[in-house]
Amino acid sequence: MVFKPLERLENGGRIEDFDYFSRGACGKIYCSQEKAIKIPYDFHNGNFLRDRKTQWRLHEEFNVQKLAVDLGISFPAVYGVKSVFDEKGICYPAIFMKFLEGKDFGKLEGDILKEAENQRNLEIEKAKDFGFVIRDSHLMNSIWIPGEEKTYLLDAGLWKFRG
C-alpha cells in the first residue's frame, strides 16, 4: 500500500466554492453546477478526515468507480482525488465527480419507481458479473435522472473488484 502525501494532491479549490448537498455515513457531499465532491468525515463528531488511511480509501473508491464507469456500469464520471481547503486553509482529500441532478428513490413512486429499481438491479447484477463485490447497495445509493430516464449508482466506497 503506497500513500501519496496529502500535500501532493492536485488543488481542487475551496470547500466554500461548493454548496452543501447531503451526507451519508462516511462522507459529506458538496456540489457546484457541474461537479460534486465527497469529503470523508467522522460520523460521530462531524469532523472532516485527512489522515493517510482516509486518503488511501478515497483512492481505492476512485479506482473502483472509474473502473465501473469504464466497464459501462452507470456511475457518475469521476475526475480524481484532489485536495480541498477549508476557511482556515487546512486541506482535506475529496473525490471529484460529475454532479447529476436527479431524484433519490425516496421521492419516486408508481411506474417510475419500478423502472428505476429495475434499472438499479440490472446495474448491480452487471457489476457482479464483472467481478465487483458490492457491500453497500441500498436504494439511497442510487439516483434517477428524469431527463435521461436512467438510474445511476452512487457511492462505491465499500465496493471491491475481484475480477
N, C-alpha and C. Protein backbone atom coordinates (compact mmCIF):
# COMPACT_ATOMS: atom_id res chain seq x y z
N MET A 1 0.85 -1.18 0.00
CA MET A 1 0.00 0.00 0.00
C MET A 1 0.90 1.25 0.00
N VAL A 2 0.75 2.10 -0.99
CA VAL A 2 1.55 3.32 -1.07
C VAL A 2 0.62 4.51 -0.90
N PHE A 3 0.99 5.40 0.01
CA PHE A 3 0.18 6.59 0.25
C PHE A 3 0.87 7.80 -0.35
N LYS A 4 0.15 8.56 -1.14
CA LYS A 4 0.68 9.84 -1.59
C LYS A 4 0.51 10.82 -0.44
N PRO A 5 1.49 11.67 -0.19
CA PRO A 5 1.26 12.70 0.84
C PRO A 5 0.11 13.60 0.40
N LEU A 6 -0.71 14.00 1.33
CA LEU A 6 -1.87 14.82 1.03
C LEU A 6 -1.47 16.10 0.29
N GLU A 7 -0.34 16.67 0.63
CA GLU A 7 0.10 17.93 0.02
C GLU A 7 0.38 17.78 -1.48
N ARG A 8 0.57 16.56 -1.96
CA ARG A 8 0.91 16.35 -3.37
C ARG A 8 -0.31 16.15 -4.25
N LEU A 9 -1.48 16.14 -3.66
CA LEU A 9 -2.69 16.04 -4.47
C LEU A 9 -2.91 17.34 -5.21
N GLU A 10 -3.52 17.23 -6.37
CA GLU A 10 -3.87 18.42 -7.14
C GLU A 10 -4.85 19.28 -6.33
N ASN A 11 -4.68 20.59 -6.42
CA ASN A 11 -5.55 21.51 -5.70
C ASN A 11 -6.92 21.56 -6.37
N GLY A 12 -7.96 21.17 -5.62
CA GLY A 12 -9.31 21.17 -6.16
C GLY A 12 -10.12 22.40 -5.78
N GLY A 13 -9.52 23.32 -5.02
CA GLY A 13 -10.23 24.53 -4.65
C GLY A 13 -10.63 24.57 -3.19
N ARG A 14 -11.58 25.44 -2.89
CA ARG A 14 -12.04 25.64 -1.52
C ARG A 14 -13.41 25.01 -1.32
N ILE A 15 -13.62 24.46 -0.14
CA ILE A 15 -14.91 23.86 0.17
C ILE A 15 -16.03 24.88 0.00
N GLU A 16 -15.77 26.11 0.38
CA GLU A 16 -16.80 27.15 0.31
C GLU A 16 -17.22 27.49 -1.13
N ASP A 17 -16.46 27.00 -2.13
CA ASP A 17 -16.84 27.21 -3.52
C ASP A 17 -17.95 26.25 -3.97
N PHE A 18 -18.28 25.31 -3.08
CA PHE A 18 -19.30 24.31 -3.36
C PHE A 18 -20.44 24.47 -2.38
N ASP A 19 -21.64 24.09 -2.79
CA ASP A 19 -22.81 24.12 -1.91
C ASP A 19 -22.96 22.78 -1.22
N TYR A 20 -23.28 22.82 0.07
CA TYR A 20 -23.55 21.58 0.80
C TYR A 20 -24.76 20.91 0.16
N PHE A 21 -24.67 19.59 -0.06
CA PHE A 21 -25.75 18.88 -0.73
C PHE A 21 -26.39 17.83 0.18
N SER A 22 -25.58 16.93 0.73
CA SER A 22 -26.11 15.89 1.62
C SER A 22 -24.96 15.21 2.34
N ARG A 23 -25.32 14.23 3.18
CA ARG A 23 -24.28 13.44 3.83
C ARG A 23 -24.74 12.01 3.96
N GLY A 24 -23.77 11.14 4.02
CA GLY A 24 -24.03 9.73 4.27
C GLY A 24 -23.32 9.34 5.55
N ALA A 25 -23.12 8.06 5.72
CA ALA A 25 -22.48 7.58 6.93
C ALA A 25 -21.00 7.94 6.98
N CYS A 26 -20.37 8.10 5.82
CA CYS A 26 -18.92 8.31 5.80
C CYS A 26 -18.45 9.55 5.06
N GLY A 27 -19.36 10.26 4.40
CA GLY A 27 -18.91 11.41 3.62
C GLY A 27 -19.98 12.48 3.50
N LYS A 28 -19.50 13.70 3.37
CA LYS A 28 -20.38 14.83 3.07
C LYS A 28 -20.22 15.17 1.60
N ILE A 29 -21.33 15.46 0.95
CA ILE A 29 -21.33 15.76 -0.47
C ILE A 29 -21.59 17.25 -0.67
N TYR A 30 -20.76 17.87 -1.48
CA TYR A 30 -20.91 19.26 -1.86
C TYR A 30 -20.99 19.30 -3.38
N CYS A 31 -21.64 20.31 -3.92
CA CYS A 31 -21.78 20.34 -5.38
C CYS A 31 -21.70 21.77 -5.91
N SER A 32 -21.38 21.83 -7.18
CA SER A 32 -21.48 23.05 -7.97
C SER A 32 -22.37 22.67 -9.15
N GLN A 33 -22.44 23.50 -10.16
CA GLN A 33 -23.31 23.18 -11.30
C GLN A 33 -22.85 21.94 -12.05
N GLU A 34 -21.55 21.69 -12.07
CA GLU A 34 -21.03 20.59 -12.88
C GLU A 34 -20.34 19.50 -12.09
N LYS A 35 -19.87 19.80 -10.87
CA LYS A 35 -19.08 18.84 -10.11
C LYS A 35 -19.71 18.58 -8.75
N ALA A 36 -19.47 17.38 -8.28
CA ALA A 36 -19.79 17.03 -6.90
C ALA A 36 -18.50 16.56 -6.25
N ILE A 37 -18.36 16.81 -4.97
CA ILE A 37 -17.20 16.31 -4.25
C ILE A 37 -17.68 15.57 -3.00
N LYS A 38 -16.96 14.52 -2.68
CA LYS A 38 -17.24 13.76 -1.47
C LYS A 38 -16.04 13.90 -0.56
N ILE A 39 -16.29 14.43 0.65
CA ILE A 39 -15.24 14.60 1.64
C ILE A 39 -15.54 13.67 2.82
N PRO A 40 -14.65 12.75 3.13
CA PRO A 40 -14.89 11.85 4.26
C PRO A 40 -14.95 12.61 5.58
N TYR A 41 -15.81 12.14 6.47
CA TYR A 41 -15.90 12.75 7.78
C TYR A 41 -16.21 11.69 8.83
N ASP A 42 -15.96 12.04 10.08
CA ASP A 42 -16.25 11.17 11.21
C ASP A 42 -17.71 11.35 11.59
N PHE A 43 -18.49 10.30 11.43
CA PHE A 43 -19.93 10.36 11.69
C PHE A 43 -20.22 10.76 13.14
N HIS A 44 -19.34 10.40 14.06
CA HIS A 44 -19.58 10.64 15.48
C HIS A 44 -19.37 12.09 15.90
N ASN A 45 -18.34 12.74 15.32
CA ASN A 45 -18.08 14.13 15.74
C ASN A 45 -18.24 15.14 14.61
N GLY A 46 -18.48 14.68 13.40
CA GLY A 46 -18.72 15.60 12.28
C GLY A 46 -17.48 16.21 11.67
N ASN A 47 -16.29 15.88 12.17
CA ASN A 47 -15.06 16.46 11.64
C ASN A 47 -14.64 15.78 10.35
N PHE A 48 -14.13 16.57 9.42
CA PHE A 48 -13.57 16.01 8.20
C PHE A 48 -12.33 15.18 8.56
N LEU A 49 -12.06 14.16 7.76
CA LEU A 49 -10.90 13.30 7.97
C LEU A 49 -9.83 13.63 6.94
N ARG A 50 -8.57 13.57 7.37
CA ARG A 50 -7.49 13.89 6.44
C ARG A 50 -6.26 13.03 6.61
N ASP A 51 -6.38 11.94 7.33
CA ASP A 51 -5.24 11.06 7.56
C ASP A 51 -4.92 10.25 6.30
N ARG A 52 -3.77 9.62 6.29
CA ARG A 52 -3.33 8.86 5.12
C ARG A 52 -4.25 7.68 4.81
N LYS A 53 -4.77 7.03 5.83
CA LYS A 53 -5.66 5.89 5.61
C LYS A 53 -6.92 6.35 4.87
N THR A 54 -7.45 7.50 5.27
CA THR A 54 -8.63 8.05 4.61
C THR A 54 -8.32 8.38 3.16
N GLN A 55 -7.17 8.98 2.94
CA GLN A 55 -6.78 9.32 1.57
C GLN A 55 -6.61 8.06 0.73
N TRP A 56 -6.02 7.02 1.29
CA TRP A 56 -5.86 5.76 0.57
C TRP A 56 -7.22 5.19 0.21
N ARG A 57 -8.17 5.21 1.16
CA ARG A 57 -9.51 4.70 0.90
C ARG A 57 -10.20 5.48 -0.23
N LEU A 58 -10.00 6.79 -0.26
CA LEU A 58 -10.58 7.59 -1.35
C LEU A 58 -9.99 7.18 -2.70
N HIS A 59 -8.69 6.94 -2.73
CA HIS A 59 -8.08 6.49 -3.98
C HIS A 59 -8.64 5.14 -4.40
N GLU A 60 -8.85 4.25 -3.44
CA GLU A 60 -9.46 2.96 -3.74
C GLU A 60 -10.87 3.14 -4.30
N GLU A 61 -11.66 3.99 -3.64
CA GLU A 61 -13.03 4.24 -4.12
C GLU A 61 -13.01 4.83 -5.52
N PHE A 62 -12.12 5.79 -5.74
CA PHE A 62 -11.99 6.41 -7.06
C PHE A 62 -11.67 5.34 -8.12
N ASN A 63 -10.68 4.48 -7.83
CA ASN A 63 -10.27 3.46 -8.79
C ASN A 63 -11.41 2.49 -9.10
N VAL A 64 -12.15 2.08 -8.08
CA VAL A 64 -13.27 1.16 -8.30
C VAL A 64 -14.35 1.83 -9.13
N GLN A 65 -14.70 3.08 -8.78
CA GLN A 65 -15.76 3.77 -9.53
C GLN A 65 -15.32 4.05 -10.96
N LYS A 66 -14.06 4.42 -11.16
CA LYS A 66 -13.57 4.67 -12.52
C LYS A 66 -13.62 3.40 -13.35
N LEU A 67 -13.20 2.28 -12.76
CA LEU A 67 -13.27 1.01 -13.47
C LEU A 67 -14.72 0.66 -13.82
N ALA A 68 -15.62 0.86 -12.88
CA ALA A 68 -17.04 0.58 -13.13
C ALA A 68 -17.55 1.42 -14.31
N VAL A 69 -17.23 2.71 -14.31
CA VAL A 69 -17.65 3.58 -15.42
C VAL A 69 -17.04 3.09 -16.73
N ASP A 70 -15.76 2.75 -16.70
CA ASP A 70 -15.08 2.27 -17.92
C ASP A 70 -15.70 0.98 -18.45
N LEU A 71 -16.28 0.17 -17.56
CA LEU A 71 -16.92 -1.08 -17.95
C LEU A 71 -18.38 -0.90 -18.34
N GLY A 72 -18.86 0.34 -18.29
CA GLY A 72 -20.23 0.62 -18.71
C GLY A 72 -21.27 0.53 -17.62
N ILE A 73 -20.85 0.49 -16.37
CA ILE A 73 -21.79 0.49 -15.25
C ILE A 73 -22.17 1.93 -14.97
N SER A 74 -23.43 2.18 -14.74
CA SER A 74 -23.93 3.56 -14.60
C SER A 74 -23.58 4.16 -13.24
N PHE A 75 -22.46 4.88 -13.22
CA PHE A 75 -22.00 5.69 -12.10
C PHE A 75 -21.71 7.07 -12.67
N PRO A 76 -21.70 8.11 -11.85
CA PRO A 76 -21.22 9.41 -12.34
C PRO A 76 -19.73 9.30 -12.71
N ALA A 77 -19.33 9.99 -13.76
CA ALA A 77 -17.91 10.04 -14.13
C ALA A 77 -17.11 10.61 -12.96
N VAL A 78 -15.93 10.05 -12.72
CA VAL A 78 -15.06 10.55 -11.66
C VAL A 78 -13.85 11.23 -12.28
N TYR A 79 -13.41 12.32 -11.63
CA TYR A 79 -12.32 13.13 -12.17
C TYR A 79 -11.02 12.98 -11.40
N GLY A 80 -11.08 12.49 -10.18
CA GLY A 80 -9.85 12.31 -9.42
C GLY A 80 -10.04 12.57 -7.94
N VAL A 81 -8.96 12.33 -7.20
CA VAL A 81 -8.90 12.66 -5.78
C VAL A 81 -8.02 13.90 -5.69
N LYS A 82 -8.57 14.95 -5.14
CA LYS A 82 -7.87 16.23 -5.06
C LYS A 82 -7.99 16.80 -3.65
N SER A 83 -7.19 17.79 -3.36
CA SER A 83 -7.27 18.49 -2.08
C SER A 83 -8.30 19.61 -2.17
N VAL A 84 -9.08 19.77 -1.11
CA VAL A 84 -9.93 20.94 -0.96
C VAL A 84 -9.56 21.59 0.37
N PHE A 85 -9.75 22.89 0.44
CA PHE A 85 -9.31 23.64 1.61
C PHE A 85 -10.50 24.28 2.32
N ASP A 86 -10.45 24.23 3.66
CA ASP A 86 -11.49 24.90 4.44
C ASP A 86 -11.12 26.37 4.63
N GLU A 87 -11.94 27.09 5.39
CA GLU A 87 -11.71 28.53 5.57
C GLU A 87 -10.42 28.84 6.32
N LYS A 88 -9.85 27.87 7.03
CA LYS A 88 -8.59 28.06 7.75
C LYS A 88 -7.38 27.66 6.92
N GLY A 89 -7.61 27.18 5.70
CA GLY A 89 -6.52 26.76 4.83
C GLY A 89 -6.08 25.32 5.04
N ILE A 90 -6.82 24.55 5.84
CA ILE A 90 -6.48 23.16 6.06
C ILE A 90 -7.00 22.34 4.88
N CYS A 91 -6.15 21.46 4.37
CA CYS A 91 -6.56 20.68 3.20
C CYS A 91 -7.08 19.31 3.60
N TYR A 92 -8.05 18.85 2.82
CA TYR A 92 -8.70 17.56 3.01
C TYR A 92 -8.80 16.87 1.66
N PRO A 93 -8.67 15.55 1.62
CA PRO A 93 -8.84 14.85 0.35
C PRO A 93 -10.32 14.73 0.00
N ALA A 94 -10.62 14.78 -1.29
CA ALA A 94 -12.00 14.66 -1.76
C ALA A 94 -12.02 13.99 -3.13
N ILE A 95 -13.05 13.19 -3.36
CA ILE A 95 -13.27 12.64 -4.70
C ILE A 95 -14.08 13.65 -5.49
N PHE A 96 -13.62 13.96 -6.68
CA PHE A 96 -14.33 14.85 -7.58
C PHE A 96 -15.03 14.01 -8.64
N MET A 97 -16.30 14.30 -8.86
CA MET A 97 -17.08 13.55 -9.84
C MET A 97 -18.10 14.47 -10.50
N LYS A 98 -18.72 13.97 -11.54
CA LYS A 98 -19.77 14.72 -12.23
C LYS A 98 -20.98 14.84 -11.32
N PHE A 99 -21.56 16.03 -11.26
CA PHE A 99 -22.79 16.23 -10.49
C PHE A 99 -23.97 15.84 -11.37
N LEU A 100 -24.81 14.97 -10.84
CA LEU A 100 -26.02 14.54 -11.55
C LEU A 100 -27.24 15.07 -10.81
N GLU A 101 -28.02 15.88 -11.47
CA GLU A 101 -29.24 16.40 -10.88
C GLU A 101 -30.35 15.40 -11.14
N GLY A 102 -30.90 14.86 -10.09
CA GLY A 102 -31.94 13.86 -10.25
C GLY A 102 -32.79 13.74 -9.00
N LYS A 103 -33.44 12.60 -8.86
CA LYS A 103 -34.32 12.34 -7.72
C LYS A 103 -33.86 11.08 -7.02
N ASP A 104 -33.78 11.16 -5.68
CA ASP A 104 -33.46 9.93 -4.96
C ASP A 104 -34.70 9.03 -4.93
N PHE A 105 -34.48 7.78 -4.66
CA PHE A 105 -35.56 6.80 -4.77
C PHE A 105 -36.69 7.05 -3.78
N GLY A 106 -36.42 7.74 -2.69
CA GLY A 106 -37.45 8.05 -1.71
C GLY A 106 -38.50 9.01 -2.24
N LYS A 107 -38.20 9.69 -3.35
CA LYS A 107 -39.13 10.65 -3.94
C LYS A 107 -39.83 10.12 -5.19
N LEU A 108 -39.58 8.87 -5.51
CA LEU A 108 -40.20 8.26 -6.69
C LEU A 108 -41.39 7.42 -6.27
N GLU A 109 -42.31 7.23 -7.19
CA GLU A 109 -43.46 6.36 -6.89
C GLU A 109 -43.99 5.75 -8.18
N GLY A 110 -44.82 4.74 -8.02
CA GLY A 110 -45.52 4.13 -9.15
C GLY A 110 -44.59 3.49 -10.16
N ASP A 111 -44.95 3.66 -11.44
CA ASP A 111 -44.20 3.03 -12.52
C ASP A 111 -42.77 3.55 -12.62
N ILE A 112 -42.58 4.82 -12.29
CA ILE A 112 -41.22 5.38 -12.36
C ILE A 112 -40.34 4.70 -11.32
N LEU A 113 -40.84 4.51 -10.11
CA LEU A 113 -40.07 3.81 -9.08
C LEU A 113 -39.76 2.39 -9.52
N LYS A 114 -40.72 1.69 -10.08
CA LYS A 114 -40.49 0.32 -10.54
C LYS A 114 -39.41 0.28 -11.62
N GLU A 115 -39.48 1.20 -12.57
CA GLU A 115 -38.47 1.25 -13.64
C GLU A 115 -37.09 1.58 -13.07
N ALA A 116 -37.03 2.55 -12.16
CA ALA A 116 -35.76 2.95 -11.55
C ALA A 116 -35.14 1.79 -10.77
N GLU A 117 -35.96 1.09 -10.00
CA GLU A 117 -35.47 -0.06 -9.23
C GLU A 117 -35.01 -1.18 -10.15
N ASN A 118 -35.74 -1.42 -11.22
CA ASN A 118 -35.36 -2.45 -12.18
C ASN A 118 -34.00 -2.13 -12.81
N GLN A 119 -33.83 -0.88 -13.22
CA GLN A 119 -32.54 -0.48 -13.80
C GLN A 119 -31.42 -0.62 -12.78
N ARG A 120 -31.68 -0.21 -11.54
CA ARG A 120 -30.68 -0.32 -10.47
C ARG A 120 -30.27 -1.78 -10.29
N ASN A 121 -31.25 -2.67 -10.22
CA ASN A 121 -30.97 -4.09 -10.03
C ASN A 121 -30.15 -4.65 -11.20
N LEU A 122 -30.46 -4.23 -12.42
CA LEU A 122 -29.69 -4.66 -13.59
C LEU A 122 -28.24 -4.18 -13.51
N GLU A 123 -28.05 -2.94 -13.06
CA GLU A 123 -26.69 -2.39 -12.91
C GLU A 123 -25.91 -3.15 -11.85
N ILE A 124 -26.56 -3.47 -10.74
CA ILE A 124 -25.91 -4.24 -9.67
C ILE A 124 -25.51 -5.62 -10.19
N GLU A 125 -26.40 -6.28 -10.91
CA GLU A 125 -26.09 -7.60 -11.46
C GLU A 125 -24.96 -7.52 -12.49
N LYS A 126 -24.98 -6.47 -13.31
CA LYS A 126 -23.91 -6.28 -14.29
C LYS A 126 -22.57 -6.12 -13.57
N ALA A 127 -22.57 -5.33 -12.49
CA ALA A 127 -21.34 -5.12 -11.72
C ALA A 127 -20.84 -6.44 -11.12
N LYS A 128 -21.75 -7.22 -10.58
CA LYS A 128 -21.37 -8.52 -10.00
C LYS A 128 -20.80 -9.43 -11.08
N ASP A 129 -21.40 -9.41 -12.27
CA ASP A 129 -20.91 -10.24 -13.37
C ASP A 129 -19.48 -9.87 -13.77
N PHE A 130 -19.13 -8.60 -13.64
CA PHE A 130 -17.77 -8.15 -13.95
C PHE A 130 -16.78 -8.51 -12.84
N GLY A 131 -17.28 -8.87 -11.65
CA GLY A 131 -16.38 -9.25 -10.56
C GLY A 131 -16.34 -8.28 -9.41
N PHE A 132 -17.28 -7.34 -9.35
CA PHE A 132 -17.33 -6.42 -8.21
C PHE A 132 -18.03 -7.10 -7.03
N VAL A 133 -17.50 -6.88 -5.85
CA VAL A 133 -18.14 -7.30 -4.61
C VAL A 133 -18.79 -6.05 -4.04
N ILE A 134 -20.09 -6.10 -3.87
CA ILE A 134 -20.86 -4.91 -3.50
C ILE A 134 -21.38 -5.07 -2.08
N ARG A 135 -20.98 -4.14 -1.20
CA ARG A 135 -21.38 -4.26 0.20
C ARG A 135 -22.36 -3.20 0.65
N ASP A 136 -22.63 -2.22 -0.18
CA ASP A 136 -23.47 -1.10 0.25
C ASP A 136 -24.36 -0.68 -0.91
N SER A 137 -25.36 -1.50 -1.21
CA SER A 137 -26.15 -1.23 -2.42
C SER A 137 -27.60 -0.86 -2.11
N HIS A 138 -27.83 -0.24 -0.96
CA HIS A 138 -29.22 0.12 -0.65
C HIS A 138 -29.73 1.19 -1.60
N LEU A 139 -31.04 1.34 -1.63
CA LEU A 139 -31.69 2.21 -2.62
C LEU A 139 -31.20 3.66 -2.57
N MET A 140 -30.82 4.13 -1.39
CA MET A 140 -30.40 5.53 -1.29
C MET A 140 -29.03 5.78 -1.94
N ASN A 141 -28.36 4.71 -2.37
CA ASN A 141 -27.11 4.86 -3.12
C ASN A 141 -27.36 4.78 -4.62
N SER A 142 -28.53 5.26 -5.01
CA SER A 142 -28.92 5.32 -6.42
C SER A 142 -29.66 6.63 -6.66
N ILE A 143 -29.66 7.07 -7.90
CA ILE A 143 -30.38 8.29 -8.25
C ILE A 143 -31.02 8.10 -9.62
N TRP A 144 -32.22 8.63 -9.77
CA TRP A 144 -32.97 8.57 -11.03
C TRP A 144 -32.82 9.92 -11.72
N ILE A 145 -32.41 9.90 -12.97
CA ILE A 145 -32.25 11.12 -13.75
C ILE A 145 -33.44 11.20 -14.72
N PRO A 146 -34.43 12.04 -14.41
CA PRO A 146 -35.66 12.07 -15.22
C PRO A 146 -35.42 12.37 -16.70
N GLY A 147 -34.56 13.32 -17.02
CA GLY A 147 -34.33 13.67 -18.43
C GLY A 147 -33.75 12.54 -19.24
N GLU A 148 -32.98 11.67 -18.60
CA GLU A 148 -32.37 10.53 -19.28
C GLU A 148 -33.20 9.26 -19.12
N GLU A 149 -34.16 9.30 -18.17
CA GLU A 149 -34.93 8.09 -17.84
C GLU A 149 -33.96 6.97 -17.45
N LYS A 150 -33.00 7.31 -16.57
CA LYS A 150 -31.91 6.39 -16.27
C LYS A 150 -31.56 6.44 -14.79
N THR A 151 -31.19 5.27 -14.25
CA THR A 151 -30.71 5.16 -12.88
C THR A 151 -29.19 5.10 -12.87
N TYR A 152 -28.59 5.86 -11.95
CA TYR A 152 -27.15 5.80 -11.72
C TYR A 152 -26.92 5.29 -10.30
N LEU A 153 -25.88 4.49 -10.16
CA LEU A 153 -25.46 4.05 -8.84
C LEU A 153 -24.56 5.12 -8.23
N LEU A 154 -24.56 5.21 -6.93
CA LEU A 154 -23.73 6.18 -6.21
C LEU A 154 -22.96 5.45 -5.11
N ASP A 155 -21.82 5.96 -4.75
CA ASP A 155 -21.07 5.53 -3.58
C ASP A 155 -20.48 4.13 -3.72
N ALA A 156 -19.28 4.07 -4.26
CA ALA A 156 -18.54 2.80 -4.39
C ALA A 156 -17.57 2.62 -3.23
N GLY A 157 -17.79 3.33 -2.15
CA GLY A 157 -16.85 3.31 -1.02
C GLY A 157 -16.60 1.95 -0.41
N LEU A 158 -17.57 1.06 -0.44
CA LEU A 158 -17.38 -0.27 0.13
C LEU A 158 -17.31 -1.36 -0.93
N TRP A 159 -17.24 -0.97 -2.19
CA TRP A 159 -17.11 -1.93 -3.27
C TRP A 159 -15.66 -2.41 -3.39
N LYS A 160 -15.50 -3.63 -3.84
CA LYS A 160 -14.17 -4.19 -4.15
C LYS A 160 -14.27 -4.83 -5.53
N PHE A 161 -13.14 -4.87 -6.23
CA PHE A 161 -13.10 -5.54 -7.52
C PHE A 161 -12.24 -6.79 -7.38
N ARG A 162 -12.84 -7.93 -7.69
CA ARG A 162 -12.14 -9.21 -7.59
C ARG A 162 -11.94 -9.84 -8.96
N GLY A 163 -12.46 -9.16 -10.02
CA GLY A 163 -12.44 -9.60 -11.39
C GLY A 163 -11.60 -10.75 -11.66
